Amino acid sequence: MNRIKRGSIARKRRTKFRLFTSSCRGARSQLTRTISQQKLKALGSAHRDRYRKKRDFRSLWISRINAIIGQNKQKIYHIYSNLIYNLYKSRLLLNRKIVAQIAILKGDCLFMIANEIIKK
């Protein structure tokens, strides 16, 4: 029986791994064992950071709303939590992303919404 050599098959498998880490520098894109470790680490970071991104954007929207409210000269709402609480109490279905966009693009519109909430 002939001897089976797997060199070419193993090389194909390793080159597939190398394609994943081709953007890395140094040994992380050259050595097979390091490539597999880097791939696991990258996939883990990607999984973690998909959820982290949602958290970061929510905090960004909150800080933008809070900054616009703080600049208000009329001092209708000077606390972010009061504004959000009254939005929910008056059953206005505006999430933080939309409120932040309104605050940045049309600051006066946000204050008009706040005035309407106070009147109710």
C-alpha atoms as a PDB file:
ATOM      1  CA  MET A   1       0.000   0.000   0.000  1.00  0.00           C
ATOM      2  CA  ASN A   2       1.267   3.462  -0.856  1.00  0.00           C
ATOM      3  CA  ARG A   3       2.074   6.091   1.750  1.00  0.00           C
ATOM      4  CA  ILE A   4      -0.365   8.990   1.855  1.00  0.00           C
ATOM      5  CA  LYS A   5       1.186  12.394   2.360  1.00  0.00           C
ATOM      6  CA  ARG A   6      -1.119  15.198   3.537  1.00  0.00           C
ATOM      7  CA  GLY A   7       1.236  18.099   2.982  1.00  0.00           C
ATOM      8  CA  SER A   8      -0.828  19.812   0.305  1.00  0.00           C
ATOM      9  CA  ILE A   9      -4.117  19.420   2.193  1.00  0.00           C
ATOM     10  CA  ALA A  10      -2.648  20.824   5.390  1.00  0.00           C
ATOM     11  CA  ARG A  11      -1.141  23.723   3.454  1.00  0.00           C
ATOM     12  CA  LYS A  12      -4.546  24.570   1.947  1.00  0.00           C
ATOM     13  CA  ARG A  13      -6.103  24.548   5.414  1.00  0.00           C
ATOM     14  CA  ARG A  14      -3.389  26.813   6.804  1.00  0.00           C
ATOM     15  CA  THR A  15      -3.674  29.281   3.944  1.00  0.00           C
ATOM     16  CA  LYS A  16      -7.399  29.594   4.692  1.00  0.00           C
ATOM     17  CA  PHE A  17      -6.452  30.592   8.240  1.00  0.00           C
ATOM     18  CA  ARG A  18      -3.884  33.057   6.887  1.00  0.00           C
ATOM     19  CA  LEU A  19      -6.549  34.829   4.836  1.00  0.00           C
ATOM     20  CA  PHE A  20      -8.430  35.638   8.042  1.00  0.00           C
ATOM     21  CA  THR A  21      -5.417  37.281   9.715  1.00  0.00           C
ATOM     22  CA  SER A  22      -3.810  38.795   6.629  1.00  0.00           C
ATOM     23  CA  SER A  23      -4.260  42.304   8.029  1.00  0.00           C
ATOM     24  CA  CYS A  24      -2.328  41.534  11.224  1.00  0.00           C
ATOM     25  CA  ARG A  25       1.340  42.378  11.689  1.00  0.00           C
ATOM     26  CA  GLY A  26       4.282  40.128  12.440  1.00  0.00           C
ATOM     27  CA  ALA A  27       3.847  36.570  13.699  1.00  0.00           C
ATOM     28  CA  ARG A  28       0.081  36.967  13.961  1.00  0.00           C
ATOM     29  CA  SER A  29      -0.166  36.667  10.188  1.00  0.00           C
ATOM     30  CA  GLN A  30       2.681  34.185   9.650  1.00  0.00           C
ATOM     31  CA  LEU A  31       2.779  31.421  12.256  1.00  0.00           C
ATOM     32  CA  THR A  32      -0.007  28.828  12.205  1.00  0.00           C
ATOM     33  CA  ARG A  33      -0.447  28.455  15.975  1.00  0.00           C
ATOM     34  CA  THR A  34      -0.403  32.205  16.531  1.00  0.00           C
ATOM     35  CA  ILE A  35      -2.863  32.667  13.666  1.00  0.00           C
ATOM     36  CA  SER A  36      -5.373  30.305  15.290  1.00  0.00           C
ATOM     37  CA  GLN A  37      -5.011  32.103  18.646  1.00  0.00           C
ATOM     38  CA  GLN A  38      -5.451  35.483  16.972  1.00  0.00           C
ATOM     39  CA  LYS A  39      -8.525  34.252  15.124  1.00  0.00           C
ATOM     40  CA  LEU A  40     -10.161  33.097  18.359  1.00  0.00           C
ATOM     41  CA  LYS A  41      -9.336  36.385  20.050  1.00  0.00           C
ATOM     42  CA  ALA A  42     -10.661  38.446  17.130  1.00  0.00           C
ATOM     43  CA  LEU A  43     -13.932  36.529  16.957  1.00  0.00           C
ATOM     44  CA  GLY A  44     -14.399  36.873  20.721  1.00  0.00           C
ATOM     45  CA  SER A  45     -13.747  40.612  20.579  1.00  0.00           C
ATOM     46  CA  ALA A  46     -16.162  41.036  17.683  1.00  0.00           C
ATOM     47  CA  HIS A  47     -18.886  39.197  19.585  1.00  0.00           C
ATOM     48  CA  ARG A  48     -18.319  41.258  22.731  1.00  0.00           C
ATOM     49  CA  ASP A  49     -18.094  44.583  20.928  1.00  0.00           C
ATOM     50  CA  ARG A  50     -21.342  44.141  19.003  1.00  0.00           C
ATOM     51  CA  TYR A  51     -23.120  44.488  22.342  1.00  0.00           C
ATOM     52  CA  ARG A  52     -20.673  47.119  23.569  1.00  0.00           C
ATOM     53  CA  LYS A  53     -21.482  49.308  20.539  1.00  0.00           C
ATOM     54  CA  LYS A  54     -25.165  49.427  21.473  1.00  0.00           C
ATOM     55  CA  ARG A  55     -24.254  50.490  25.002  1.00  0.00           C
ATOM     56  CA  ASP A  56     -21.817  53.151  23.784  1.00  0.00           C
ATOM     57  CA  PHE A  57     -24.313  54.687  21.365  1.00  0.00           C
ATOM     58  CA  ARG A  58     -27.007  54.855  24.041  1.00  0.00           C
ATOM     59  CA  SER A  59     -24.645  56.723  26.382  1.00  0.00           C
ATOM     60  CA  LEU A  60     -23.678  59.051  23.509  1.00  0.00           C
ATOM     61  CA  TRP A  61     -27.322  59.903  22.839  1.00  0.00           C
ATOM     62  CA  ILE A  62     -27.931  60.542  26.541  1.00  0.00           C
ATOM     63  CA  SER A  63     -24.936  62.882  26.800  1.00  0.00           C
ATOM     64  CA  ARG A  64     -26.046  64.789  23.679  1.00  0.00           C
ATOM     65  CA  ILE A  65     -29.554  65.281  25.046  1.00  0.00           C
ATOM     66  CA  ASN A  66     -28.173  66.324  28.412  1.00  0.00           C
ATOM     67  CA  ALA A  67     -25.828  68.865  26.777  1.00  0.00           C
ATOM     68  CA  ILE A  68     -28.651  70.502  24.807  1.00  0.00           C
ATOM     69  CA  ILE A  69     -30.891  70.625  27.869  1.00  0.00           C
ATOM     70  CA  GLY A  70     -28.094  72.256  29.864  1.00  0.00           C
ATOM     71  CA  GLN A  71     -27.736  75.036  27.267  1.00  0.00           C
ATOM     72  CA  ASN A  72     -31.423  75.909  27.560  1.00  0.00           C
ATOM     73  CA  LYS A  73     -31.930  79.507  28.668  1.00  0.00           C
ATOM     74  CA  GLN A  74     -35.553  78.974  29.684  1.00  0.00           C
ATOM     75  CA  LYS A  75     -34.566  76.157  32.070  1.00  0.00           C
ATOM     76  CA  ILE A  76     -37.642  74.100  31.190  1.00  0.00           C
ATOM     77  CA  TYR A  77     -35.782  70.901  31.933  1.00  0.00           C
ATOM     78  CA  HIS A  78     -32.293  71.041  33.249  1.00  0.00           C
ATOM     79  CA  ILE A  79     -32.191  67.372  34.233  1.00  0.00           C
ATOM     80  CA  TYR A  80     -32.198  64.644  31.586  1.00  0.00           C
ATOM     81  CA  SER A  81     -34.073  62.121  33.714  1.00  0.00           C
ATOM     82  CA  ASN A  82     -37.029  64.503  34.225  1.00  0.00           C
ATOM     83  CA  LEU A  83     -37.378  64.989  30.470  1.00  0.00           C
ATOM     84  CA  ILE A  84     -37.317  61.258  29.717  1.00  0.00           C
ATOM     85  CA  TYR A  85     -39.697  60.491  32.591  1.00  0.00           C
ATOM     86  CA  ASN A  86     -42.205  63.051  31.339  1.00  0.00           C
ATOM     87  CA  LEU A  87     -41.884  61.790  27.755  1.00  0.00           C
ATOM     88  CA  TYR A  88     -42.939  58.329  28.901  1.00  0.00           C
ATOM     89  CA  LYS A  89     -45.604  59.696  31.225  1.00  0.00           C
ATOM     90  CA  SER A  90     -47.203  61.646  28.392  1.00  0.00           C
ATOM     91  CA  ARG A  91     -46.953  58.532  26.164  1.00  0.00           C
ATOM     92  CA  LEU A  92     -44.766  60.105  23.493  1.00  0.00           C
ATOM     93  CA  LEU A  93     -43.040  57.252  21.713  1.00  0.00           C
ATOM     94  CA  LEU A  94     -39.668  58.876  21.128  1.00  0.00           C
ATOM     95  CA  ASN A  95     -36.566  56.870  21.853  1.00  0.00           C
ATOM     96  CA  ARG A  96     -33.262  58.395  22.890  1.00  0.00           C
ATOM     97  CA  LYS A  97     -31.815  58.213  19.378  1.00  0.00           C
ATOM     98  CA  ILE A  98     -34.634  60.263  17.879  1.00  0.00           C
ATOM     99  CA  VAL A  99     -34.624  62.761  20.749  1.00  0.00           C
ATOM    100  CA  ALA A 100     -30.845  63.204  20.334  1.00  0.00           C
ATOM    101  CA  GLN A 101     -31.242  63.829  16.594  1.00  0.00           C
ATOM    102  CA  ILE A 102     -33.982  66.373  17.265  1.00  0.00           C
ATOM    103  CA  ALA A 103     -31.801  68.031  19.887  1.00  0.00           C
ATOM    104  CA  ILE A 104     -28.816  68.348  17.549  1.00  0.00           C
ATOM    105  CA  LEU A 105     -30.590  69.315  14.337  1.00  0.00           C
ATOM    106  CA  LYS A 106     -33.520  71.334  15.712  1.00  0.00           C
ATOM    107  CA  GLY A 107     -32.875  72.331  19.320  1.00  0.00           C
ATOM    108  CA  ASP A 108     -35.912  74.623  19.355  1.00  0.00           C
ATOM    109  CA  CYS A 109     -38.137  71.726  18.368  1.00  0.00           C
ATOM    110  CA  LEU A 110     -37.007  69.794  21.448  1.00  0.00           C
ATOM    111  CA  PHE A 111     -37.961  72.716  23.646  1.00  0.00           C
ATOM    112  CA  MET A 112     -41.355  72.960  21.911  1.00  0.00           C
ATOM    113  CA  ILE A 113     -41.956  69.281  22.712  1.00  0.00           C
ATOM    114  CA  ALA A 114     -40.901  69.921  26.294  1.00  0.00           C
ATOM    115  CA  ASN A 115     -43.310  72.870  26.558  1.00  0.00           C
ATOM    116  CA  GLU A 116     -46.175  70.715  25.274  1.00  0.00           C
ATOM    117  CA  ILE A 117     -45.398  68.085  27.886  1.00  0.00           C
ATOM    118  CA  ILE A 118     -45.424  70.685  30.654  1.00  0.00           C
ATOM    119  CA  LYS A 119     -48.793  72.073  29.499  1.00  0.00           C
ATOM    120  CA  LYS A 120     -50.366  68.613  29.805  1.00  0.00           C
END
